[in-house]
Amino acid sequence: MSVTAVLLSGGLDSAVLAAEEAARAEIQPIYVSVGLAWEDAERAMLSRLLAADRFRARVRPLVALTVDMRDVYAATHWAVQGTPPAYHTPDEDVYLPGRNVILLGKAGVFCAAVRIDRLALGTLGHNPFPDATPAFRSAMAEALSLGLAHALAIDAPFADMSKGDVVRRGAALGVPFELTLSCMSPVDLTHCGTCSKCRERHDAFVEAGLADPTGYADERYVHA
């Protein structure tokens, strides 16, 4: 049976991607830790997500990999300190240089080691960053395939979709959205409600025309 590796952060997009891929074939979820402030909360929520009924079939145990980027990002960097851009700031403000280079690089080495030949990630259509383009993914797949002597395809099935589109697909699949985390400053596994990722999440439910099941520690914006 073919197996697809899925980069899984536990956020909306990767959770829906994992559910879609698992509906077709066996998947290997991969979480890559790089030393950012919210990762402990992500891992805790991810454990709950993968224990849900929706993810018990065709889903292998989570593989957790590490590449510490705190020797590259300054100690004062907002993603290291846990002081993310505010609710109304644009997506460009959350740019983490080289993020997909690192995630795909480490996951790609793992895939070669266990002979998995397809790796999927949840990049969306509005992603403005240089490591989220088709050209980058193609070049990265070619470099990893050459460097590892193992043919590896990198796919981004949601690359032409909005987050609202993904929410609608997830709802149709029965993804337990309440067990996903899309926040850069979570409070005891609760979305802060004041970072730009919380804004992006809430806007996606509004776009999809669905009630947002998310609990927010601060609701001043989501009920505005």
Protein backbone atom coordinates (compact mmCIF):
# COMPACT_ATOMS: atom_id res chain seq x y z
CA MET A 1 0.00 0.00 0.00
CA SER A 2 1.28 3.47 -0.87
CA VAL A 3 1.92 5.84 2.01
CA THR A 4 1.87 9.64 1.96
CA ALA A 5 3.77 11.67 4.53
CA VAL A 6 1.83 14.72 5.75
CA LEU A 7 3.41 17.68 7.51
CA LEU A 8 1.01 18.08 10.41
CA SER A 9 1.12 21.07 12.75
CA GLY A 10 -2.32 20.50 14.25
CA GLY A 11 -3.73 23.65 12.66
CA LEU A 12 -6.86 23.80 10.49
CA ASP A 13 -5.17 23.35 7.14
CA SER A 14 -2.91 20.44 7.98
CA ALA A 15 -5.66 18.66 9.92
CA VAL A 16 -8.01 18.80 6.94
CA LEU A 17 -5.18 17.74 4.64
CA ALA A 18 -4.43 14.73 6.85
CA ALA A 19 -8.12 13.76 6.86
CA GLU A 20 -8.37 14.03 3.07
CA GLU A 21 -5.21 12.03 2.47
CA ALA A 22 -6.24 9.36 5.01
CA ALA A 23 -9.58 8.97 3.21
CA ARG A 24 -7.62 7.73 0.20
CA ALA A 25 -4.61 5.87 1.60
CA GLU A 26 -2.40 5.36 4.61
CA ILE A 27 -0.61 8.46 5.90
CA GLN A 28 2.46 9.13 7.98
CA PRO A 29 1.96 12.35 9.99
CA ILE A 30 5.14 14.30 10.68
CA TYR A 31 5.59 17.17 13.14
CA VAL A 32 8.80 19.22 12.91
CA SER A 33 9.76 21.26 15.96
CA VAL A 34 12.07 24.22 15.39
CA GLY A 35 12.02 25.88 18.82
CA LEU A 36 9.09 28.29 18.52
CA ALA A 37 7.09 29.48 21.51
CA TRP A 38 3.78 27.77 20.69
CA GLU A 39 5.09 24.31 19.83
CA ASP A 40 4.39 22.66 23.21
CA ALA A 41 0.74 23.67 22.88
CA GLU A 42 0.63 22.45 19.29
CA ARG A 43 2.01 19.05 20.25
CA ALA A 44 -0.45 18.70 23.14
CA MET A 45 -3.42 19.55 20.92
CA LEU A 46 -2.08 17.37 18.12
CA SER A 47 -2.12 14.37 20.46
CA ARG A 48 -5.82 15.00 21.09
CA LEU A 49 -6.54 15.41 17.40
CA LEU A 50 -4.87 12.15 16.42
CA ALA A 51 -6.73 10.31 19.18
CA ALA A 52 -10.07 11.37 17.67
CA ASP A 53 -12.13 8.75 15.82
CA ARG A 54 -11.65 10.57 12.51
CA PHE A 55 -7.90 9.89 12.62
CA ARG A 56 -7.76 6.32 13.88
CA ALA A 57 -7.94 4.65 10.49
CA ARG A 58 -5.07 4.69 8.01
CA VAL A 59 -3.00 7.03 10.19
CA ARG A 60 0.38 5.85 11.42
CA PRO A 61 1.76 7.03 14.78
CA LEU A 62 3.08 10.60 14.71
CA VAL A 63 6.76 11.06 13.89
CA ALA A 64 8.25 14.05 15.73
CA LEU A 65 11.41 15.56 14.24
CA THR A 66 13.55 18.46 15.46
CA VAL A 67 15.60 21.20 13.82
CA ASP A 68 16.43 23.91 16.34
CA MET A 69 16.27 27.30 14.59
CA ARG A 70 16.98 29.34 17.70
CA ASP A 71 20.61 29.62 16.61
CA VAL A 72 19.35 31.45 13.51
CA TYR A 73 16.37 33.43 14.79
CA ALA A 74 17.37 36.03 17.37
CA ALA A 75 16.42 35.45 21.00
CA THR A 76 14.28 38.59 20.67
CA HIS A 77 12.37 37.24 17.65
CA TRP A 78 8.61 37.36 18.23
CA ALA A 79 8.20 33.66 17.37
CA VAL A 80 10.80 32.67 19.96
CA GLN A 81 9.50 35.00 22.66
CA GLY A 82 5.84 34.27 21.97
CA THR A 83 4.86 37.86 21.19
CA PRO A 84 3.19 37.48 17.78
CA PRO A 85 1.85 40.16 15.44
CA ALA A 86 -1.50 41.58 16.52
CA TYR A 87 -4.95 40.58 15.25
CA HIS A 88 -5.28 43.07 12.39
CA THR A 89 -1.73 42.84 11.02
CA PRO A 90 -1.22 41.42 7.49
CA ASP A 91 -0.03 37.88 6.75
CA GLU A 92 3.37 39.20 5.71
CA ASP A 93 4.11 40.10 9.33
CA VAL A 94 4.33 36.43 10.34
CA TYR A 95 7.04 35.51 7.85
CA LEU A 96 9.57 33.03 9.21
CA PRO A 97 12.53 32.91 6.79
CA GLY A 98 13.27 29.45 5.50
CA ARG A 99 10.40 27.75 7.33
CA ASN A 100 9.38 25.45 4.49
CA VAL A 101 13.02 24.84 3.58
CA ILE A 102 13.58 23.41 7.05
CA LEU A 103 10.27 21.53 7.35
CA LEU A 104 10.54 19.91 3.94
CA GLY A 105 14.26 19.25 4.27
CA LYS A 106 14.01 17.32 7.54
CA ALA A 107 10.81 15.55 6.55
CA GLY A 108 12.32 14.69 3.19
CA VAL A 109 15.31 12.98 4.78
CA PHE A 110 12.94 10.97 6.97
CA CYS A 111 10.85 9.99 3.93
CA ALA A 112 13.94 8.73 2.12
CA ALA A 113 14.98 6.70 5.16
CA VAL A 114 11.64 4.87 5.33
CA ARG A 115 11.04 4.79 1.56
CA ILE A 116 8.04 7.10 1.38
CA ASP A 117 7.88 8.81 -2.01
CA ARG A 118 5.20 11.49 -1.51
CA LEU A 119 5.17 14.36 0.98
CA ALA A 120 2.17 16.71 1.34
CA LEU A 121 1.82 20.06 3.11
CA GLY A 122 -1.10 22.42 3.62
CA THR A 123 0.08 25.57 1.83
CA LEU A 124 -2.88 27.79 0.85
CA GLY A 125 -3.52 29.93 -2.19
CA HIS A 126 -3.04 33.30 -0.46
CA ASN A 127 0.36 32.40 1.04
CA PRO A 128 2.62 35.34 0.06
CA PHE A 129 5.99 33.86 1.00
CA PRO A 130 8.78 32.80 -1.40
CA ASP A 131 8.97 29.26 0.00
CA ALA A 132 5.29 28.63 -0.74
CA THR A 133 5.40 28.79 -4.55
CA PRO A 134 5.05 25.93 -7.05
CA ALA A 135 8.53 26.73 -8.35
CA PHE A 136 10.01 26.37 -4.86
CA ARG A 137 8.25 23.07 -4.21
CA SER A 138 9.37 21.70 -7.56
CA ALA A 139 12.97 22.77 -6.97
CA MET A 140 12.94 21.39 -3.43
CA ALA A 141 11.57 18.04 -4.60
CA GLU A 142 14.22 17.83 -7.29
CA ALA A 143 17.03 18.74 -4.89
CA LEU A 144 15.89 16.24 -2.24
CA SER A 145 15.41 13.51 -4.82
CA LEU A 146 18.90 14.07 -6.20
CA GLY A 147 20.59 14.54 -2.85
CA LEU A 148 18.95 11.53 -1.22
CA ALA A 149 18.93 9.22 -4.26
CA HIS A 150 15.24 8.70 -3.58
CA ALA A 151 12.46 10.04 -5.81
CA LEU A 152 10.27 12.29 -3.68
CA ALA A 153 7.22 14.26 -4.82
CA ILE A 154 6.14 17.30 -2.81
CA ASP A 155 2.45 18.16 -3.12
CA ALA A 156 0.37 21.07 -1.85
CA PRO A 157 -3.23 20.04 -2.64
CA PHE A 158 -4.70 23.24 -1.17
CA ALA A 159 -2.38 25.64 -3.03
CA ASP A 160 -5.25 27.09 -5.08
CA MET A 161 -7.72 27.31 -2.19
CA SER A 162 -8.64 29.84 0.48
CA LYS A 163 -8.80 28.94 4.15
CA GLY A 164 -12.57 29.15 3.94
CA ASP A 165 -12.51 26.52 1.18
CA VAL A 166 -10.45 24.26 3.43
CA VAL A 167 -12.84 24.73 6.35
CA ARG A 168 -15.76 23.68 4.14
CA ARG A 169 -13.86 20.57 3.03
CA GLY A 170 -12.97 19.75 6.62
CA ALA A 171 -16.57 20.10 7.74
CA ALA A 172 -17.66 17.67 5.02
CA LEU A 173 -15.05 15.19 6.26
CA GLY A 174 -16.07 15.54 9.90
CA VAL A 175 -12.76 17.02 11.06
CA PRO A 176 -13.04 17.93 14.78
CA PHE A 177 -12.05 21.59 14.43
CA GLU A 178 -12.23 22.06 18.20
CA LEU A 179 -9.15 19.80 18.42
CA THR A 180 -7.05 21.97 16.11
CA LEU A 181 -4.83 24.88 17.13
CA SER A 182 -4.06 27.86 14.90
CA CYS A 183 -2.62 30.34 17.37
CA MET A 184 0.79 31.88 18.03
CA SER A 185 0.12 32.73 21.67
CA PRO A 186 -2.18 30.03 23.09
CA VAL A 187 -3.39 30.22 26.68
CA ASP A 188 -3.65 26.73 28.21
CA LEU A 189 -4.49 25.23 24.78
CA THR A 190 -7.05 27.99 24.18
CA HIS A 191 -6.69 30.35 21.23
CA CYS A 192 -5.59 33.79 22.42
CA GLY A 193 -8.01 35.63 20.12
CA THR A 194 -5.61 38.55 19.63
CA CYS A 195 -2.94 37.28 17.20
CA SER A 196 -3.18 37.41 13.42
CA LYS A 197 -3.47 33.62 13.16
CA CYS A 198 -6.61 33.76 15.30
CA ARG A 199 -7.98 36.42 12.95
CA GLU A 200 -7.16 34.25 9.94
CA ARG A 201 -8.85 31.26 11.58
CA HIS A 202 -12.03 33.11 12.57
CA ASP A 203 -12.29 34.78 9.15
CA ALA A 204 -12.12 31.34 7.52
CA PHE A 205 -15.21 30.14 9.38
CA VAL A 206 -17.02 33.37 8.47
CA GLU A 207 -16.02 32.91 4.81
CA ALA A 208 -17.16 29.28 4.90
CA GLY A 209 -20.53 30.29 6.37
CA LEU A 210 -20.04 28.02 9.37
CA ALA A 211 -20.18 28.69 13.10
CA ASP A 212 -16.71 29.02 14.59
CA PRO A 213 -16.38 26.32 17.30
CA THR A 214 -13.13 27.81 18.60
CA GLY A 215 -12.78 29.00 22.17
CA TYR A 216 -10.90 32.31 22.36
CA ALA A 217 -9.36 33.59 25.59
CA ASP A 218 -10.06 37.14 24.43
CA GLU A 219 -13.23 37.57 22.34
CA ARG A 220 -13.11 41.31 21.71
CA TYR A 221 -12.42 40.90 17.98
CA VAL A 222 -14.30 37.72 17.08
CA HIS A 223 -17.54 39.21 18.39
CA ALA A 224 -16.90 42.71 17.08
